[in-house]
PDB file of all heavy atoms in Angstrom:
ATOM      1  N   TYR A   1     100.737  94.825 110.329  1.00  0.00           N
ATOM      2  CA  TYR A   1     102.051  95.323 109.896  1.00  0.00           C
ATOM      3  C   TYR A   1     102.029  96.828 109.621  1.00  0.00           C
ATOM      4  O   TYR A   1     102.432  97.317 108.584  1.00  0.00           O
ATOM      5  CB  TYR A   1     102.573  94.562 108.670  1.00  0.00           C
ATOM      6  CG  TYR A   1     102.508  93.073 108.834  1.00  0.00           C
ATOM      7  CD1 TYR A   1     101.693  92.290 108.010  1.00  0.00           C
ATOM      8  CD2 TYR A   1     103.249  92.423 109.819  1.00  0.00           C
ATOM      9  CE1 TYR A   1     101.630  90.921 108.168  1.00  0.00           C
ATOM     10  CE2 TYR A   1     103.188  91.041 109.978  1.00  0.00           C
ATOM     11  CZ  TYR A   1     102.367  90.301 109.152  1.00  0.00           C
ATOM     12  OH  TYR A   1     102.307  88.946 109.307  1.00  0.00           O
ATOM     13  N   ARG A   2     101.548  97.556 110.618  1.00  0.00           N
ATOM     14  CA  ARG A   2     101.530  99.023 110.572  1.00  0.00           C
ATOM     15  C   ARG A   2     102.171  99.544 111.849  1.00  0.00           C
ATOM     16  O   ARG A   2     101.984  98.975 112.918  1.00  0.00           O
ATOM     17  CB  ARG A   2     100.101  99.545 110.441  1.00  0.00           C
ATOM     18  CG  ARG A   2      99.445  99.067 109.161  1.00  0.00           C
ATOM     19  CD  ARG A   2      98.411 100.040 108.672  1.00  0.00           C
ATOM     20  NE  ARG A   2      97.918  99.639 107.368  1.00  0.00           N
ATOM     21  CZ  ARG A   2      98.397 100.116 106.212  1.00  0.00           C
ATOM     22  NH1 ARG A   2      99.338 101.016 106.211  1.00  0.00           N
ATOM     23  NH2 ARG A   2      97.892  99.713 105.075  1.00  0.00           N
ATOM     24  N   TRP A   3     102.923 100.632 111.714  1.00  0.00           N
ATOM     25  CA  TRP A   3     103.628 101.184 112.863  1.00  0.00           C
ATOM     26  C   TRP A   3     102.661 101.575 113.963  1.00  0.00           C
ATOM     27  O   TRP A   3     101.678 102.259 113.704  1.00  0.00           O
ATOM     28  CB  TRP A   3     104.465 102.400 112.466  1.00  0.00           C
ATOM     29  CG  TRP A   3     105.583 102.074 111.533  1.00  0.00           C
ATOM     30  CD1 TRP A   3     105.706 102.488 110.239  1.00  0.00           C
ATOM     31  CD2 TRP A   3     106.728 101.269 111.813  1.00  0.00           C
ATOM     32  NE1 TRP A   3     106.859 101.976 109.697  1.00  0.00           N
ATOM     33  CE2 TRP A   3     107.512 101.222 110.643  1.00  0.00           C
ATOM     34  CE3 TRP A   3     107.170 100.574 112.930  1.00  0.00           C
ATOM     35  CZ2 TRP A   3     108.713 100.526 110.563  1.00  0.00           C
ATOM     36  CZ3 TRP A   3     108.366  99.874 112.859  1.00  0.00           C
ATOM     37  CH2 TRP A   3     109.127  99.850 111.689  1.00  0.00           C
ATOM     38  N   ARG A   4     102.956 101.167 115.184  1.00  0.00           N
ATOM     39  CA  ARG A   4     102.150 101.542 116.349  1.00  0.00           C
ATOM     40  C   ARG A   4     102.640 102.856 116.939  1.00  0.00           C
ATOM     41  O   ARG A   4     101.899 103.537 117.625  1.00  0.00           O
ATOM     42  CB  ARG A   4     102.223 100.457 117.422  1.00  0.00           C
ATOM     43  CG  ARG A   4     101.184  99.367 117.356  1.00  0.00           C
ATOM     44  CD  ARG A   4     101.066  98.671 116.049  1.00  0.00           C
ATOM     45  NE  ARG A   4     100.269  97.449 116.117  1.00  0.00           N
ATOM     46  CZ  ARG A   4     100.597  96.352 115.471  1.00  0.00           C
ATOM     47  NH1 ARG A   4     101.673  96.283 114.730  1.00  0.00           N
ATOM     48  NH2 ARG A   4      99.819  95.305 115.540  1.00  0.00           N
ATOM     49  N   PHE A   5     103.907 103.200 116.713  1.00  0.00           N
ATOM     50  CA  PHE A   5     104.500 104.467 117.138  1.00  0.00           C
ATOM     51  C   PHE A   5     105.258 105.044 115.950  1.00  0.00           C
ATOM     52  O   PHE A   5     105.588 104.343 115.007  1.00  0.00           O
ATOM     53  CB  PHE A   5     105.511 104.267 118.282  1.00  0.00           C
ATOM     54  CG  PHE A   5     104.920 103.750 119.556  1.00  0.00           C
ATOM     55  CD1 PHE A   5     105.276 102.504 120.045  1.00  0.00           C
ATOM     56  CD2 PHE A   5     104.032 104.514 120.292  1.00  0.00           C
ATOM     57  CE1 PHE A   5     104.747 102.017 121.232  1.00  0.00           C
ATOM     58  CE2 PHE A   5     103.493 104.046 121.479  1.00  0.00           C
ATOM     59  CZ  PHE A   5     103.854 102.792 121.946  1.00  0.00           C
ATOM     60  N   GLY A   6     105.565 106.328 116.023  1.00  0.00           N
ATOM     61  CA  GLY A   6     106.452 106.944 115.057  1.00  0.00           C
ATOM     62  C   GLY A   6     107.872 106.923 115.606  1.00  0.00           C
ATOM     63  O   GLY A   6     108.087 106.715 116.809  1.00  0.00           O
ATOM     64  N   ALA A   7     108.858 107.133 114.724  1.00  0.00           N
ATOM     65  CA  ALA A   7     110.259 107.164 115.140  1.00  0.00           C
ATOM     66  C   ALA A   7     111.010 108.144 114.249  1.00  0.00           C
ATOM     67  O   ALA A   7     110.837 108.152 113.029  1.00  0.00           O
ATOM     68  CB  ALA A   7     110.885 105.777 115.037  1.00  0.00           C
ATOM     69  N   VAL A   8     111.847 108.976 114.890  1.00  0.00           N
ATOM     70  CA  VAL A   8     112.634 109.966 114.168  1.00  0.00           C
ATOM     71  C   VAL A   8     114.041 110.000 114.756  1.00  0.00           C
ATOM     72  O   VAL A   8     114.217 109.863 115.972  1.00  0.00           O
ATOM     73  CB  VAL A   8     111.963 111.359 114.206  1.00  0.00           C
ATOM     74  CG1 VAL A   8     111.883 111.913 115.607  1.00  0.00           C
ATOM     75  CG2 VAL A   8     112.639 112.324 113.272  1.00  0.00           C
ATOM     76  N   ALA A   9     115.041 110.149 113.892  1.00  0.00           N
ATOM     77  CA  ALA A   9     116.425 110.247 114.362  1.00  0.00           C
ATOM     78  C   ALA A   9     116.617 111.594 115.057  1.00  0.00           C
ATOM     79  O   ALA A   9     116.434 112.637 114.446  1.00  0.00           O
ATOM     80  CB  ALA A   9     117.393 110.106 113.185  1.00  0.00           C
ATOM     81  N   SER A  10     116.962 111.561 116.341  1.00  0.00           N
ATOM     82  CA  SER A  10     117.218 112.788 117.098  1.00  0.00           C
ATOM     83  C   SER A  10     118.616 113.317 116.821  1.00  0.00           C
ATOM     84  O   SER A  10     118.865 114.523 116.911  1.00  0.00           O
ATOM     85  CB  SER A  10     117.095 112.526 118.601  1.00  0.00           C
ATOM     86  OG  SER A  10     115.822 112.059 118.915  1.00  0.00           O
ATOM     87  N   THR A  11     119.530 112.401 116.535  1.00  0.00           N
ATOM     88  CA  THR A  11     120.916 112.701 116.191  1.00  0.00           C
ATOM     89  C   THR A  11     121.239 111.881 114.953  1.00  0.00           C
ATOM     90  O   THR A  11     120.430 111.021 114.572  1.00  0.00           O
ATOM     91  CB  THR A  11     121.874 112.280 117.333  1.00  0.00           C
ATOM     92  OG1 THR A  11     121.844 110.846 117.435  1.00  0.00           O
ATOM     93  CG2 THR A  11     121.491 112.909 118.667  1.00  0.00           C
ATOM     94  N   PRO A  12     122.379 112.084 114.341  1.00  0.00           N
ATOM     95  CA  PRO A  12     122.756 111.143 113.274  1.00  0.00           C
ATOM     96  C   PRO A  12     122.779 109.718 113.851  1.00  0.00           C
ATOM     97  O   PRO A  12     123.228 109.507 114.980  1.00  0.00           O
ATOM     98  CB  PRO A  12     124.152 111.602 112.863  1.00  0.00           C
ATOM     99  CG  PRO A  12     124.180 113.061 113.237  1.00  0.00           C
ATOM    100  CD  PRO A  12     123.358 113.159 114.497  1.00  0.00           C
ATOM    101  N   VAL A  13     122.253 108.770 113.085  1.00  0.00           N
ATOM    102  CA  VAL A  13     122.110 107.395 113.554  1.00  0.00           C
ATOM    103  C   VAL A  13     122.787 106.437 112.591  1.00  0.00           C
ATOM    104  O   VAL A  13     122.636 106.557 111.371  1.00  0.00           O
ATOM    105  CB  VAL A  13     120.608 107.010 113.692  1.00  0.00           C
ATOM    106  CG1 VAL A  13     120.426 105.525 113.977  1.00  0.00           C
ATOM    107  CG2 VAL A  13     119.946 107.856 114.762  1.00  0.00           C
ATOM    108  N   GLU A  14     123.532 105.497 113.157  1.00  0.00           N
ATOM    109  CA  GLU A  14     124.035 104.340 112.417  1.00  0.00           C
ATOM    110  C   GLU A  14     123.310 103.136 112.969  1.00  0.00           C
ATOM    111  O   GLU A  14     123.175 102.999 114.195  1.00  0.00           O
ATOM    112  CB  GLU A  14     125.546 104.179 112.605  1.00  0.00           C
ATOM    113  CG  GLU A  14     126.346 105.282 111.973  1.00  0.00           C
ATOM    114  CD  GLU A  14     127.842 105.118 112.202  1.00  0.00           C
ATOM    115  OE1 GLU A  14     128.277 104.032 112.659  1.00  0.00           O
ATOM    116  OE2 GLU A  14     128.559 106.079 111.941  1.00  0.00           O
ATOM    117  N   ALA A  15     122.812 102.277 112.084  1.00  0.00           N
ATOM    118  CA  ALA A  15     122.007 101.149 112.537  1.00  0.00           C
ATOM    119  C   ALA A  15     122.158  99.958 111.613  1.00  0.00           C
ATOM    120  O   ALA A  15     122.622 100.088 110.478  1.00  0.00           O
ATOM    121  CB  ALA A  15     120.538 101.563 112.601  1.00  0.00           C
ATOM    122  N   VAL A  16     121.746  98.814 112.115  1.00  0.00           N
ATOM    123  CA  VAL A  16     121.583  97.624 111.290  1.00  0.00           C
ATOM    124  C   VAL A  16     120.091  97.546 110.987  1.00  0.00           C
ATOM    125  O   VAL A  16     119.266  97.539 111.901  1.00  0.00           O
ATOM    126  CB  VAL A  16     122.053  96.349 112.028  1.00  0.00           C
ATOM    127  CG1 VAL A  16     121.835  95.123 111.143  1.00  0.00           C
ATOM    128  CG2 VAL A  16     123.510  96.471 112.438  1.00  0.00           C
ATOM    129  N   GLU A  17     119.767  97.544 109.697  1.00  0.00           N
ATOM    130  CA  GLU A  17     118.374  97.489 109.264  1.00  0.00           C
ATOM    131  C   GLU A  17     118.043  96.073 108.822  1.00  0.00           C
ATOM    132  O   GLU A  17     118.818  95.446 108.103  1.00  0.00           O
ATOM    133  CB  GLU A  17     118.161  98.452 108.100  1.00  0.00           C
ATOM    134  CG  GLU A  17     116.741  98.465 107.578  1.00  0.00           C
ATOM    135  CD  GLU A  17     116.572  99.463 106.454  1.00  0.00           C
ATOM    136  OE1 GLU A  17     116.393 100.661 106.767  1.00  0.00           O
ATOM    137  OE2 GLU A  17     116.646  99.048 105.281  1.00  0.00           O
ATOM    138  N   PHE A  18     116.879  95.578 109.252  1.00  0.00           N
ATOM    139  CA  PHE A  18     116.427  94.241 108.887  1.00  0.00           C
ATOM    140  C   PHE A  18     115.165  94.334 108.044  1.00  0.00           C
ATOM    141  O   PHE A  18     114.262  95.126 108.345  1.00  0.00           O
ATOM    142  CB  PHE A  18     116.121  93.419 110.146  1.00  0.00           C
ATOM    143  CG  PHE A  18     117.336  93.084 110.947  1.00  0.00           C
ATOM    144  CD1 PHE A  18     117.839  93.990 111.869  1.00  0.00           C
ATOM    145  CD2 PHE A  18     117.984  91.869 110.787  1.00  0.00           C
ATOM    146  CE1 PHE A  18     118.961  93.692 112.617  1.00  0.00           C
ATOM    147  CE2 PHE A  18     119.119  91.561 111.525  1.00  0.00           C
ATOM    148  CZ  PHE A  18     119.609  92.472 112.450  1.00  0.00           C
ATOM    149  N   ASP A  19     115.103  93.505 107.015  1.00  0.00           N
ATOM    150  CA  ASP A  19     113.918  93.388 106.172  1.00  0.00           C
ATOM    151  C   ASP A  19     112.912  92.527 106.930  1.00  0.00           C
ATOM    152  O   ASP A  19     113.097  91.309 107.052  1.00  0.00           O
ATOM    153  CB  ASP A  19     114.301  92.744 104.848  1.00  0.00           C
ATOM    154  CG  ASP A  19     113.140  92.562 103.896  1.00  0.00           C
ATOM    155  OD1 ASP A  19     111.992  92.366 104.361  1.00  0.00           O
ATOM    156  OD2 ASP A  19     113.373  92.587 102.676  1.00  0.00           O
ATOM    157  N   GLY A  20     111.857  93.149 107.446  1.00  0.00           N
ATOM    158  CA  GLY A  20     110.879  92.443 108.258  1.00  0.00           C
ATOM    159  C   GLY A  20     110.156  91.335 107.519  1.00  0.00           C
ATOM    160  O   GLY A  20     109.879  90.275 108.087  1.00  0.00           O
ATOM    161  N   ARG A  21     109.856  91.546 106.253  1.00  0.00           N
ATOM    162  CA  ARG A  21     109.166  90.500 105.483  1.00  0.00           C
ATOM    163  C   ARG A  21     110.037  89.259 105.371  1.00  0.00           C
ATOM    164  O   ARG A  21     109.554  88.133 105.552  1.00  0.00           O
ATOM    165  CB  ARG A  21     108.773  91.021 104.112  1.00  0.00           C
ATOM    166  CG  ARG A  21     107.662  92.075 104.195  1.00  0.00           C
ATOM    167  CD  ARG A  21     107.410  92.718 102.881  1.00  0.00           C
ATOM    168  NE  ARG A  21     108.613  93.499 102.552  1.00  0.00           N
ATOM    169  CZ  ARG A  21     108.761  94.267 101.496  1.00  0.00           C
ATOM    170  NH1 ARG A  21     107.780  94.364 100.638  1.00  0.00           N
ATOM    171  NH2 ARG A  21     109.859  94.950 101.290  1.00  0.00           N
ATOM    172  N   LEU A  22     111.324  89.451 105.091  1.00  0.00           N
ATOM    173  CA  LEU A  22     112.235  88.314 104.990  1.00  0.00           C
ATOM    174  C   LEU A  22     112.408  87.625 106.346  1.00  0.00           C
ATOM    175  O   LEU A  22     112.433  86.395 106.437  1.00  0.00           O
ATOM    176  CB  LEU A  22     113.596  88.755 104.438  1.00  0.00           C
ATOM    177  CG  LEU A  22     114.654  87.665 104.290  1.00  0.00           C
ATOM    178  CD1 LEU A  22     114.135  86.467 103.492  1.00  0.00           C
ATOM    179  CD2 LEU A  22     115.914  88.241 103.655  1.00  0.00           C
ATOM    180  N   VAL A  23     112.490  88.396 107.406  1.00  0.00           N
ATOM    181  CA  VAL A  23     112.615  87.805 108.746  1.00  0.00           C
ATOM    182  C   VAL A  23     111.364  86.989 109.077  1.00  0.00           C
ATOM    183  O   VAL A  23     111.463  85.898 109.655  1.00  0.00           O
ATOM    184  CB  VAL A  23     112.904  88.873 109.818  1.00  0.00           C
ATOM    185  CG1 VAL A  23     112.876  88.267 111.221  1.00  0.00           C
ATOM    186  CG2 VAL A  23     114.257  89.534 109.559  1.00  0.00           C
ATOM    187  N   ARG A  24     110.185  87.457 108.680  1.00  0.00           N
ATOM    188  CA  ARG A  24     108.963  86.665 108.900  1.00  0.00           C
ATOM    189  C   ARG A  24     109.027  85.331 108.165  1.00  0.00           C
ATOM    190  O   ARG A  24     108.621  84.297 108.705  1.00  0.00           O
ATOM    191  CB  ARG A  24     107.715  87.443 108.479  1.00  0.00           C
ATOM    192  CG  ARG A  24     107.329  88.553 109.442  1.00  0.00           C
ATOM    193  CD  ARG A  24     105.914  89.061 109.215  1.00  0.00           C
ATOM    194  NE  ARG A  24     105.616  89.470 107.866  1.00  0.00           N
ATOM    195  CZ  ARG A  24     105.723  90.716 107.395  1.00  0.00           C
ATOM    196  NH1 ARG A  24     106.151  91.695 108.196  1.00  0.00           N
ATOM    197  NH2 ARG A  24     105.410  91.003 106.157  1.00  0.00           N
ATOM    198  N   VAL A  25     109.562  85.327 106.955  1.00  0.00           N
ATOM    199  CA  VAL A  25     109.721  84.078 106.199  1.00  0.00           C
ATOM    200  C   VAL A  25     110.699  83.156 106.921  1.00  0.00           C
ATOM    201  O   VAL A  25     110.442  81.957 107.079  1.00  0.00           O
ATOM    202  CB  VAL A  25     110.194  84.352 104.746  1.00  0.00           C
ATOM    203  CG1 VAL A  25     110.616  83.067 104.049  1.00  0.00           C
ATOM    204  CG2 VAL A  25     109.099  85.059 103.961  1.00  0.00           C
ATOM    205  N   LEU A  26     111.822  83.713 107.383  1.00  0.00           N
ATOM    206  CA  LEU A  26     112.804  82.904 108.111  1.00  0.00           C
ATOM    207  C   LEU A  26     112.170  82.285 109.367  1.00  0.00           C
ATOM    208  O   LEU A  26     112.452  81.126 109.695  1.00  0.00           O
ATOM    209  CB  LEU A  26     114.015  83.756 108.499  1.00  0.00           C
ATOM    210  CG  LEU A  26     114.864  84.281 107.347  1.00  0.00           C
ATOM    211  CD1 LEU A  26     115.913  85.267 107.878  1.00  0.00           C
ATOM    212  CD2 LEU A  26     115.519  83.144 106.586  1.00  0.00           C
ATOM    213  N   CYS A  27     111.331  83.038 110.041  1.00  0.00           N
ATOM    214  CA  CYS A  27     110.656  82.526 111.242  1.00  0.00           C
ATOM    215  C   CYS A  27     109.662  81.421 110.895  1.00  0.00           C
ATOM    216  O   CYS A  27     109.506  80.463 111.647  1.00  0.00           O
ATOM    217  CB  CYS A  27     109.946  83.657 111.968  1.00  0.00           C
ATOM    218  SG  CYS A  27     111.075  84.838 112.742  1.00  0.00           S
ATOM    219  N   ALA A  28     108.978  81.553 109.757  1.00  0.00           N
ATOM    220  CA  ALA A  28     108.019  80.536 109.338  1.00  0.00           C
ATOM    221  C   ALA A  28     108.730  79.228 108.989  1.00  0.00           C
ATOM    222  O   ALA A  28     108.229  78.141 109.288  1.00  0.00           O
ATOM    223  CB  ALA A  28     107.202  81.034 108.147  1.00  0.00           C
ATOM    224  N   VAL A  29     109.906  79.339 108.390  1.00  0.00           N
ATOM    225  CA  VAL A  29     110.686  78.159 108.006  1.00  0.00           C
ATOM    226  C   VAL A  29     111.314  77.493 109.226  1.00  0.00           C
ATOM    227  O   VAL A  29     111.442  76.270 109.284  1.00  0.00           O
ATOM    228  CB  VAL A  29     111.767  78.557 106.971  1.00  0.00           C
ATOM    229  CG1 VAL A  29     112.750  77.429 106.722  1.00  0.00           C
ATOM    230  CG2 VAL A  29     111.110  78.999 105.677  1.00  0.00           C
ATOM    231  N   ASP A  30     111.716  78.290 110.211  1.00  0.00           N
ATOM    232  CA  ASP A  30     112.374  77.769 111.415  1.00  0.00           C
ATOM    233  C   ASP A  30     111.595  78.238 112.646  1.00  0.00           C
ATOM    234  O   ASP A  30     111.858  79.311 113.185  1.00  0.00           O
ATOM    235  CB  ASP A  30     113.821  78.257 111.473  1.00  0.00           C
ATOM    236  CG  ASP A  30     114.589  77.722 112.670  1.00  0.00           C
ATOM    237  OD1 ASP A  30     113.985  77.057 113.545  1.00  0.00           O
ATOM    238  OD2 ASP A  30     115.798  77.978 112.743  1.00  0.00           O
ATOM    239  N   PRO A  31     110.628  77.428 113.103  1.00  0.00           N
ATOM    240  CA  PRO A  31     109.807  77.836 114.241  1.00  0.00           C
ATOM    241  C   PRO A  31     110.599  78.149 115.509  1.00  0.00           C
ATOM    242  O   PRO A  31     110.175  78.997 116.297  1.00  0.00           O
ATOM    243  CB  PRO A  31     108.872  76.637 114.459  1.00  0.00           C
ATOM    244  CG  PRO A  31     108.803  75.973 113.119  1.00  0.00           C
ATOM    245  CD  PRO A  31     110.167  76.167 112.515  1.00  0.00           C
ATOM    246  N   SER A  32     111.741  77.523 115.719  1.00  0.00           N
ATOM    247  CA  SER A  32     112.519  77.846 116.927  1.00  0.00           C
ATOM    248  C   SER A  32     113.080  79.267 116.835  1.00  0.00           C
ATOM    249  O   SER A  32     113.121  79.986 117.836  1.00  0.00           O
ATOM    250  CB  SER A  32     113.628  76.825 117.189  1.00  0.00           C
ATOM    251  OG  SER A  32     114.606  76.868 116.179  1.00  0.00           O
ATOM    252  N   LEU A  33     113.481  79.691 115.642  1.00  0.00           N
ATOM    253  CA  LEU A  33     113.913  81.077 115.444  1.00  0.00           C
ATOM    254  C   LEU A  33     112.716  82.005 115.658  1.00  0.00           C
ATOM    255  O   LEU A  33     112.833  83.036 116.335  1.00  0.00           O
ATOM    256  CB  LEU A  33     114.496  81.278 114.042  1.00  0.00           C
ATOM    257  CG  LEU A  33     114.804  82.727 113.657  1.00  0.00           C
ATOM    258  CD1 LEU A  33     115.887  83.320 114.548  1.00  0.00           C
ATOM    259  CD2 LEU A  33     115.217  82.798 112.186  1.00  0.00           C
TER     260      LEU A  33
END
């Protein structure tokens, strides 16, 4: 769980951010997800 690449906003950015730890839990609870 360490970045393999860096990332920087080249312009102003709007995004949907996801909590990776929570998504990992959701995946563990629902293997099809």
